[in-house]
Amino acid sequence: MQDVVLNAFGNFKVYQPNKGYHFSFEPFVLSKNLVFKAPKRIVDFGSGCGVIAIIISLNNPNSTVYAIEKSEDLREIIEENIRLNGIENIKVLSSIDMLEINSIDYFITNPPYFKIGSYKPSKNFFEEKFESDSLDKIIRHAKRVLKNKGTVKLSFHPSRFIELIQVLNDNNFGIKTIQPVYGNINKKASFIIVEANLSSISHVEFKAPVILNNYAI
């Protein structure tokens, strides 16, 4: 396994690369209180080191979580994190295409926000900060694998909010909830969390904002 650092969060621990990709607050906000009454089939798309998949799997031991990650190095870390936490209900896959159509109940993702060419790339973190799959492609992946009325939940940057609404609408998703997330309430939102259901009419609830400097993981 590549050079990694171990981080502890409450009831779980995760390895992540010592250099390069590092997760931030988005996975914790996305997966907080995500507990299902009945077993579900859940996709964590672009899983990174698997933190979202791990949180969801621990909170939903009777569900099956698919950690989709195309990087072989990161898949190796996910597998190690699964062993580290004694988890048995995560399956690690290299491609979303390995899943059947109309087979998933819940699709969650924390994609890179920025388009190549829109911002000056970072030499150290280019792949992690800039999208490799377009927003439209990610939503089309969700549309293909989700069951009718299945849910997609994602974090995204406020500067592309209108684009996100349009892409969801074009792919027959109805928006259900929108939640802004602030680092500090006196500053502009850092990101937004959006939930939408496939083949559903939009009926939007604006949820109370999350303030990260008051946030407990």
C-alpha atoms as a PDB file:
ATOM      1  CA  MET A   1       0.000   0.000   0.000  1.00  0.00           C
ATOM      2  CA  GLN A   2       1.170   3.534  -0.753  1.00  0.00           C
ATOM      3  CA  ASP A   3       2.371   5.957   1.946  1.00  0.00           C
ATOM      4  CA  VAL A   4      -0.656   6.650   4.164  1.00  0.00           C
ATOM      5  CA  VAL A   5      -1.672   8.408   7.375  1.00  0.00           C
ATOM      6  CA  LEU A   6      -4.176   7.005   9.900  1.00  0.00           C
ATOM      7  CA  ASN A   7      -7.014   9.214  11.175  1.00  0.00           C
ATOM      8  CA  ALA A   8      -9.506   8.341  13.924  1.00  0.00           C
ATOM      9  CA  PHE A   9     -13.121   9.619  13.922  1.00  0.00           C
ATOM     10  CA  GLY A  10     -15.407   8.478  16.725  1.00  0.00           C
ATOM     11  CA  ASN A  11     -16.239   4.825  16.108  1.00  0.00           C
ATOM     12  CA  PHE A  12     -14.033   4.289  13.043  1.00  0.00           C
ATOM     13  CA  LYS A  13     -10.546   4.832  11.668  1.00  0.00           C
ATOM     14  CA  VAL A  14      -9.382   5.416   8.112  1.00  0.00           C
ATOM     15  CA  TYR A  15      -6.146   5.471   6.221  1.00  0.00           C
ATOM     16  CA  GLN A  16      -5.750   8.137   3.575  1.00  0.00           C
ATOM     17  CA  PRO A  17      -2.800   9.056   1.364  1.00  0.00           C
ATOM     18  CA  ASN A  18      -0.062  10.983   3.139  1.00  0.00           C
ATOM     19  CA  LYS A  19       0.232  13.188   0.044  1.00  0.00           C
ATOM     20  CA  GLY A  20      -2.353  14.031  -2.611  1.00  0.00           C
ATOM     21  CA  TYR A  21      -6.025  13.210  -2.064  1.00  0.00           C
ATOM     22  CA  HIS A  22      -7.448  14.175   1.343  1.00  0.00           C
ATOM     23  CA  PHE A  23     -11.138  14.313   2.214  1.00  0.00           C
ATOM     24  CA  SER A  24     -12.615  17.350   3.950  1.00  0.00           C
ATOM     25  CA  PHE A  25     -15.950  17.954   5.719  1.00  0.00           C
ATOM     26  CA  GLU A  26     -18.163  16.997   2.765  1.00  0.00           C
ATOM     27  CA  PRO A  27     -18.254  13.220   3.456  1.00  0.00           C
ATOM     28  CA  PHE A  28     -19.324  13.775   7.064  1.00  0.00           C
ATOM     29  CA  VAL A  29     -22.092  16.229   6.176  1.00  0.00           C
ATOM     30  CA  LEU A  30     -23.300  14.028   3.295  1.00  0.00           C
ATOM     31  CA  SER A  31     -23.549  10.878   5.373  1.00  0.00           C
ATOM     32  CA  LYS A  32     -24.663  12.331   8.738  1.00  0.00           C
ATOM     33  CA  ASN A  33     -27.854  10.706  10.050  1.00  0.00           C
ATOM     34  CA  LEU A  34     -28.210   8.622   6.881  1.00  0.00           C
ATOM     35  CA  VAL A  35     -29.897   5.620   8.482  1.00  0.00           C
ATOM     36  CA  PHE A  36     -32.400   3.440   6.615  1.00  0.00           C
ATOM     37  CA  LYS A  37     -35.214   1.497   8.276  1.00  0.00           C
ATOM     38  CA  ALA A  38     -35.065  -1.273   5.657  1.00  0.00           C
ATOM     39  CA  PRO A  39     -31.969  -2.730   3.934  1.00  0.00           C
ATOM     40  CA  LYS A  40     -30.858  -0.715   0.905  1.00  0.00           C
ATOM     41  CA  ARG A  41     -28.381  -0.996  -1.939  1.00  0.00           C
ATOM     42  CA  ILE A  42     -26.254   2.151  -1.814  1.00  0.00           C
ATOM     43  CA  VAL A  43     -23.565   3.529  -4.133  1.00  0.00           C
ATOM     44  CA  ASP A  44     -20.702   5.733  -2.934  1.00  0.00           C
ATOM     45  CA  PHE A  45     -19.485   7.035  -6.298  1.00  0.00           C
ATOM     46  CA  GLY A  46     -15.895   8.303  -6.482  1.00  0.00           C
ATOM     47  CA  SER A  47     -15.274   6.759  -3.079  1.00  0.00           C
ATOM     48  CA  GLY A  48     -11.695   8.022  -2.563  1.00  0.00           C
ATOM     49  CA  CYS A  49     -10.452   6.220   0.533  1.00  0.00           C
ATOM     50  CA  GLY A  50     -13.970   5.026   1.376  1.00  0.00           C
ATOM     51  CA  VAL A  51     -14.953   7.304   4.269  1.00  0.00           C
ATOM     52  CA  ILE A  52     -18.559   7.800   3.084  1.00  0.00           C
ATOM     53  CA  ALA A  53     -18.981   4.082   2.406  1.00  0.00           C
ATOM     54  CA  ILE A  54     -17.606   3.266   5.867  1.00  0.00           C
ATOM     55  CA  ILE A  55     -19.883   5.705   7.727  1.00  0.00           C
ATOM     56  CA  ILE A  56     -22.972   4.486   5.856  1.00  0.00           C
ATOM     57  CA  SER A  57     -22.081   0.816   6.251  1.00  0.00           C
ATOM     58  CA  LEU A  58     -21.555   1.163  10.013  1.00  0.00           C
ATOM     59  CA  ASN A  59     -24.904   2.932  10.380  1.00  0.00           C
ATOM     60  CA  ASN A  60     -26.690   0.443   8.093  1.00  0.00           C
ATOM     61  CA  PRO A  61     -25.175  -3.008   8.728  1.00  0.00           C
ATOM     62  CA  ASN A  62     -28.011  -4.785   6.898  1.00  0.00           C
ATOM     63  CA  SER A  63     -27.556  -2.736   3.723  1.00  0.00           C
ATOM     64  CA  THR A  64     -25.032  -3.293   0.924  1.00  0.00           C
ATOM     65  CA  VAL A  65     -22.711  -0.406   0.041  1.00  0.00           C
ATOM     66  CA  TYR A  66     -20.835  -0.282  -3.267  1.00  0.00           C
ATOM     67  CA  ALA A  67     -17.668   1.835  -3.098  1.00  0.00           C
ATOM     68  CA  ILE A  68     -16.961   2.856  -6.701  1.00  0.00           C
ATOM     69  CA  GLU A  69     -13.379   4.077  -7.224  1.00  0.00           C
ATOM     70  CA  LYS A  70     -11.441   3.960 -10.486  1.00  0.00           C
ATOM     71  CA  SER A  71      -7.997   4.543  -8.893  1.00  0.00           C
ATOM     72  CA  GLU A  72      -6.318   1.242  -8.102  1.00  0.00           C
ATOM     73  CA  ASP A  73      -4.216   2.871  -5.362  1.00  0.00           C
ATOM     74  CA  LEU A  74      -7.310   4.270  -3.641  1.00  0.00           C
ATOM     75  CA  ARG A  75      -9.190   0.970  -3.993  1.00  0.00           C
ATOM     76  CA  GLU A  76      -6.310  -0.665  -2.126  1.00  0.00           C
ATOM     77  CA  ILE A  77      -6.735   1.871   0.682  1.00  0.00           C
ATOM     78  CA  ILE A  78     -10.515   1.290   0.779  1.00  0.00           C
ATOM     79  CA  GLU A  79      -9.932  -2.462   1.153  1.00  0.00           C
ATOM     80  CA  GLU A  80      -7.497  -1.834   4.006  1.00  0.00           C
ATOM     81  CA  ASN A  81      -9.974   0.527   5.688  1.00  0.00           C
ATOM     82  CA  ILE A  82     -12.687  -2.120   5.433  1.00  0.00           C
ATOM     83  CA  ARG A  83     -10.424  -4.639   7.171  1.00  0.00           C
ATOM     84  CA  LEU A  84      -9.327  -2.063   9.752  1.00  0.00           C
ATOM     85  CA  ASN A  85     -12.940  -1.419  10.796  1.00  0.00           C
ATOM     86  CA  GLY A  86     -14.157  -5.025  10.571  1.00  0.00           C
ATOM     87  CA  ILE A  87     -16.791  -4.176   7.944  1.00  0.00           C
ATOM     88  CA  GLU A  88     -18.476  -6.898   5.884  1.00  0.00           C
ATOM     89  CA  ASN A  89     -21.137  -5.060   3.864  1.00  0.00           C
ATOM     90  CA  ILE A  90     -18.991  -2.948   1.495  1.00  0.00           C
ATOM     91  CA  LYS A  91     -18.143  -4.147  -2.008  1.00  0.00           C
ATOM     92  CA  VAL A  92     -15.324  -2.284  -3.780  1.00  0.00           C
ATOM     93  CA  LEU A  93     -15.712  -1.851  -7.544  1.00  0.00           C
ATOM     94  CA  SER A  94     -13.590  -0.129 -10.180  1.00  0.00           C
ATOM     95  CA  SER A  95     -16.500   1.014 -12.361  1.00  0.00           C
ATOM     96  CA  ILE A  96     -20.162   1.938 -12.004  1.00  0.00           C
ATOM     97  CA  ASP A  97     -20.760  -0.078 -15.183  1.00  0.00           C
ATOM     98  CA  MET A  98     -20.306  -3.246 -13.123  1.00  0.00           C
ATOM     99  CA  LEU A  99     -23.728  -2.616 -11.555  1.00  0.00           C
ATOM    100  CA  GLU A 100     -27.020  -3.526 -13.234  1.00  0.00           C
ATOM    101  CA  ILE A 101     -29.501  -0.876 -14.319  1.00  0.00           C
ATOM    102  CA  ASN A 102     -32.349  -0.068 -11.918  1.00  0.00           C
ATOM    103  CA  SER A 103     -30.626  -1.908  -9.059  1.00  0.00           C
ATOM    104  CA  ILE A 104     -29.667   0.840  -6.557  1.00  0.00           C
ATOM    105  CA  ASP A 105     -31.793   2.625  -3.966  1.00  0.00           C
ATOM    106  CA  TYR A 106     -29.452   5.468  -2.999  1.00  0.00           C
ATOM    107  CA  PHE A 107     -26.564   7.096  -4.905  1.00  0.00           C
ATOM    108  CA  ILE A 108     -24.258   9.403  -2.946  1.00  0.00           C
ATOM    109  CA  THR A 109     -21.252  11.293  -4.268  1.00  0.00           C
ATOM    110  CA  ASN A 110     -18.802  14.043  -3.338  1.00  0.00           C
ATOM    111  CA  PRO A 111     -17.367  14.983  -6.747  1.00  0.00           C
ATOM    112  CA  PRO A 112     -14.650  17.548  -7.497  1.00  0.00           C
ATOM    113  CA  TYR A 113     -16.332  20.885  -8.141  1.00  0.00           C
ATOM    114  CA  PHE A 114     -14.182  22.656 -10.679  1.00  0.00           C
ATOM    115  CA  LYS A 115     -14.032  22.373 -14.460  1.00  0.00           C
ATOM    116  CA  ILE A 116     -10.658  22.094 -16.155  1.00  0.00           C
ATOM    117  CA  GLY A 117      -9.941  25.460 -17.753  1.00  0.00           C
ATOM    118  CA  SER A 118     -12.072  27.411 -15.287  1.00  0.00           C
ATOM    119  CA  TYR A 119      -9.379  27.689 -12.610  1.00  0.00           C
ATOM    120  CA  LYS A 120      -5.605  27.495 -12.536  1.00  0.00           C
ATOM    121  CA  PRO A 121      -4.681  23.857 -11.781  1.00  0.00           C
ATOM    122  CA  SER A 122      -2.725  22.971  -8.666  1.00  0.00           C
ATOM    123  CA  LYS A 123       0.500  21.082  -9.418  1.00  0.00           C
ATOM    124  CA  ASN A 124       0.065  18.889  -6.359  1.00  0.00           C
ATOM    125  CA  PHE A 125      -3.667  18.210  -6.334  1.00  0.00           C
ATOM    126  CA  PHE A 126      -4.813  18.565  -9.969  1.00  0.00           C
ATOM    127  CA  GLU A 127      -6.712  15.275 -10.160  1.00  0.00           C
ATOM    128  CA  GLU A 128      -8.395  15.758  -6.801  1.00  0.00           C
ATOM    129  CA  LYS A 129      -9.587  19.351  -7.282  1.00  0.00           C
ATOM    130  CA  PHE A 130     -10.773  19.199 -10.893  1.00  0.00           C
ATOM    131  CA  GLU A 131     -13.492  16.982 -12.322  1.00  0.00           C
ATOM    132  CA  SER A 132     -12.461  13.952 -14.351  1.00  0.00           C
ATOM    133  CA  ASP A 133     -16.090  13.043 -15.059  1.00  0.00           C
ATOM    134  CA  SER A 134     -18.504  15.829 -15.978  1.00  0.00           C
ATOM    135  CA  LEU A 135     -21.460  16.606 -13.750  1.00  0.00           C
ATOM    136  CA  ASP A 136     -23.793  15.422 -16.498  1.00  0.00           C
ATOM    137  CA  LYS A 137     -21.951  12.093 -16.780  1.00  0.00           C
ATOM    138  CA  ILE A 138     -22.141  11.513 -13.012  1.00  0.00           C
ATOM    139  CA  ILE A 139     -25.885  12.196 -12.966  1.00  0.00           C
ATOM    140  CA  ARG A 140     -26.374   9.915 -15.976  1.00  0.00           C
ATOM    141  CA  HIS A 141     -24.533   7.168 -14.061  1.00  0.00           C
ATOM    142  CA  ALA A 142     -26.950   7.703 -11.182  1.00  0.00           C
ATOM    143  CA  LYS A 143     -29.931   7.631 -13.537  1.00  0.00           C
ATOM    144  CA  ARG A 144     -28.808   4.327 -15.055  1.00  0.00           C
ATOM    145  CA  VAL A 145     -28.339   2.395 -11.812  1.00  0.00           C
ATOM    146  CA  LEU A 146     -31.062   3.909  -9.613  1.00  0.00           C
ATOM    147  CA  LYS A 147     -34.461   2.319  -9.202  1.00  0.00           C
ATOM    148  CA  ASN A 148     -37.550   4.373 -10.001  1.00  0.00           C
ATOM    149  CA  LYS A 149     -37.882   7.075  -7.283  1.00  0.00           C
ATOM    150  CA  GLY A 150     -34.343   6.267  -6.107  1.00  0.00           C
ATOM    151  CA  THR A 151     -32.336   9.096  -4.552  1.00  0.00           C
ATOM    152  CA  VAL A 152     -29.162  10.868  -5.592  1.00  0.00           C
ATOM    153  CA  LYS A 153     -27.424  12.973  -2.934  1.00  0.00           C
ATOM    154  CA  LEU A 154     -24.353  15.066  -3.665  1.00  0.00           C
ATOM    155  CA  SER A 155     -22.273  17.981  -2.502  1.00  0.00           C
ATOM    156  CA  PHE A 156     -21.501  20.717  -5.025  1.00  0.00           C
ATOM    157  CA  HIS A 157     -20.161  24.242  -5.295  1.00  0.00           C
ATOM    158  CA  PRO A 158     -22.683  27.121  -5.118  1.00  0.00           C
ATOM    159  CA  SER A 159     -21.141  28.797  -8.176  1.00  0.00           C
ATOM    160  CA  ARG A 160     -22.478  25.897 -10.296  1.00  0.00           C
ATOM    161  CA  PHE A 161     -25.870  25.574  -8.600  1.00  0.00           C
ATOM    162  CA  ILE A 162     -27.888  26.623 -11.665  1.00  0.00           C
ATOM    163  CA  GLU A 163     -25.992  24.111 -13.788  1.00  0.00           C
ATOM    164  CA  LEU A 164     -26.727  21.392 -11.220  1.00  0.00           C
ATOM    165  CA  ILE A 165     -30.463  22.168 -11.278  1.00  0.00           C
ATOM    166  CA  GLN A 166     -30.475  22.019 -15.079  1.00  0.00           C
ATOM    167  CA  VAL A 167     -28.576  18.727 -15.259  1.00  0.00           C
ATOM    168  CA  LEU A 168     -30.874  17.102 -12.682  1.00  0.00           C
ATOM    169  CA  ASN A 169     -33.932  18.367 -14.544  1.00  0.00           C
ATOM    170  CA  ASP A 170     -32.603  17.147 -17.914  1.00  0.00           C
ATOM    171  CA  ASN A 171     -32.125  13.665 -16.451  1.00  0.00           C
ATOM    172  CA  ASN A 172     -35.616  13.466 -14.927  1.00  0.00           C
ATOM    173  CA  PHE A 173     -34.657  14.060 -11.286  1.00  0.00           C
ATOM    174  CA  GLY A 174     -36.936  16.050  -9.023  1.00  0.00           C
ATOM    175  CA  ILE A 175     -35.117  18.059  -6.350  1.00  0.00           C
ATOM    176  CA  LYS A 176     -36.270  17.318  -2.786  1.00  0.00           C
ATOM    177  CA  THR A 177     -33.842  19.079  -0.429  1.00  0.00           C
ATOM    178  CA  ILE A 178     -31.207  21.801  -0.612  1.00  0.00           C
ATOM    179  CA  GLN A 179     -28.873  22.541   2.297  1.00  0.00           C
ATOM    180  CA  PRO A 180     -26.162  25.227   2.309  1.00  0.00           C
ATOM    181  CA  VAL A 181     -22.979  24.555   4.268  1.00  0.00           C
ATOM    182  CA  TYR A 182     -20.912  27.411   5.682  1.00  0.00           C
ATOM    183  CA  GLY A 183     -17.430  27.411   7.157  1.00  0.00           C
ATOM    184  CA  ASN A 184     -18.443  30.547   9.033  1.00  0.00           C
ATOM    185  CA  ILE A 185     -21.955  32.019   9.058  1.00  0.00           C
ATOM    186  CA  ASN A 186     -20.548  35.458   8.241  1.00  0.00           C
ATOM    187  CA  LYS A 187     -18.987  34.213   5.006  1.00  0.00           C
ATOM    188  CA  LYS A 188     -20.435  32.802   1.788  1.00  0.00           C
ATOM    189  CA  ALA A 189     -21.440  29.138   1.597  1.00  0.00           C
ATOM    190  CA  SER A 190     -18.580  26.666   1.076  1.00  0.00           C
ATOM    191  CA  PHE A 191     -20.762  24.046  -0.631  1.00  0.00           C
ATOM    192  CA  ILE A 192     -24.345  22.840  -0.920  1.00  0.00           C
ATOM    193  CA  ILE A 193     -25.934  19.440  -0.343  1.00  0.00           C
ATOM    194  CA  VAL A 194     -28.713  18.467  -2.759  1.00  0.00           C
ATOM    195  CA  GLU A 195     -31.026  15.446  -2.745  1.00  0.00           C
ATOM    196  CA  ALA A 196     -33.160  14.521  -5.754  1.00  0.00           C
ATOM    197  CA  ASN A 197     -35.365  11.574  -6.709  1.00  0.00           C
ATOM    198  CA  LEU A 198     -35.469   9.881 -10.093  1.00  0.00           C
ATOM    199  CA  SER A 199     -38.741  10.180 -12.036  1.00  0.00           C
ATOM    200  CA  SER A 200     -40.160  12.552  -9.468  1.00  0.00           C
ATOM    201  CA  ILE A 201     -41.551  16.080  -9.484  1.00  0.00           C
ATOM    202  CA  SER A 202     -39.454  18.705  -7.718  1.00  0.00           C
ATOM    203  CA  HIS A 203     -40.888  19.748  -4.369  1.00  0.00           C
ATOM    204  CA  VAL A 204     -38.051  21.548  -2.659  1.00  0.00           C
ATOM    205  CA  GLU A 205     -37.363  21.837   1.057  1.00  0.00           C
ATOM    206  CA  PHE A 206     -34.597  24.252   2.074  1.00  0.00           C
ATOM    207  CA  LYS A 207     -32.977  22.648   5.103  1.00  0.00           C
ATOM    208  CA  ALA A 208     -31.329  24.554   7.949  1.00  0.00           C
ATOM    209  CA  PRO A 209     -27.731  25.499   7.105  1.00  0.00           C
ATOM    210  CA  VAL A 210     -24.749  23.603   8.480  1.00  0.00           C
ATOM    211  CA  ILE A 211     -22.069  25.748  10.140  1.00  0.00           C
ATOM    212  CA  LEU A 212     -18.754  23.904  10.031  1.00  0.00           C
ATOM    213  CA  ASN A 213     -17.031  25.834  12.820  1.00  0.00           C
ATOM    214  CA  ASN A 214     -19.790  24.517  15.134  1.00  0.00           C
ATOM    215  CA  TYR A 215     -19.856  21.042  13.576  1.00  0.00           C
ATOM    216  CA  ALA A 216     -19.096  17.873  15.526  1.00  0.00           C
ATOM    217  CA  ILE A 217     -17.920  14.830  13.555  1.00  0.00           C
END
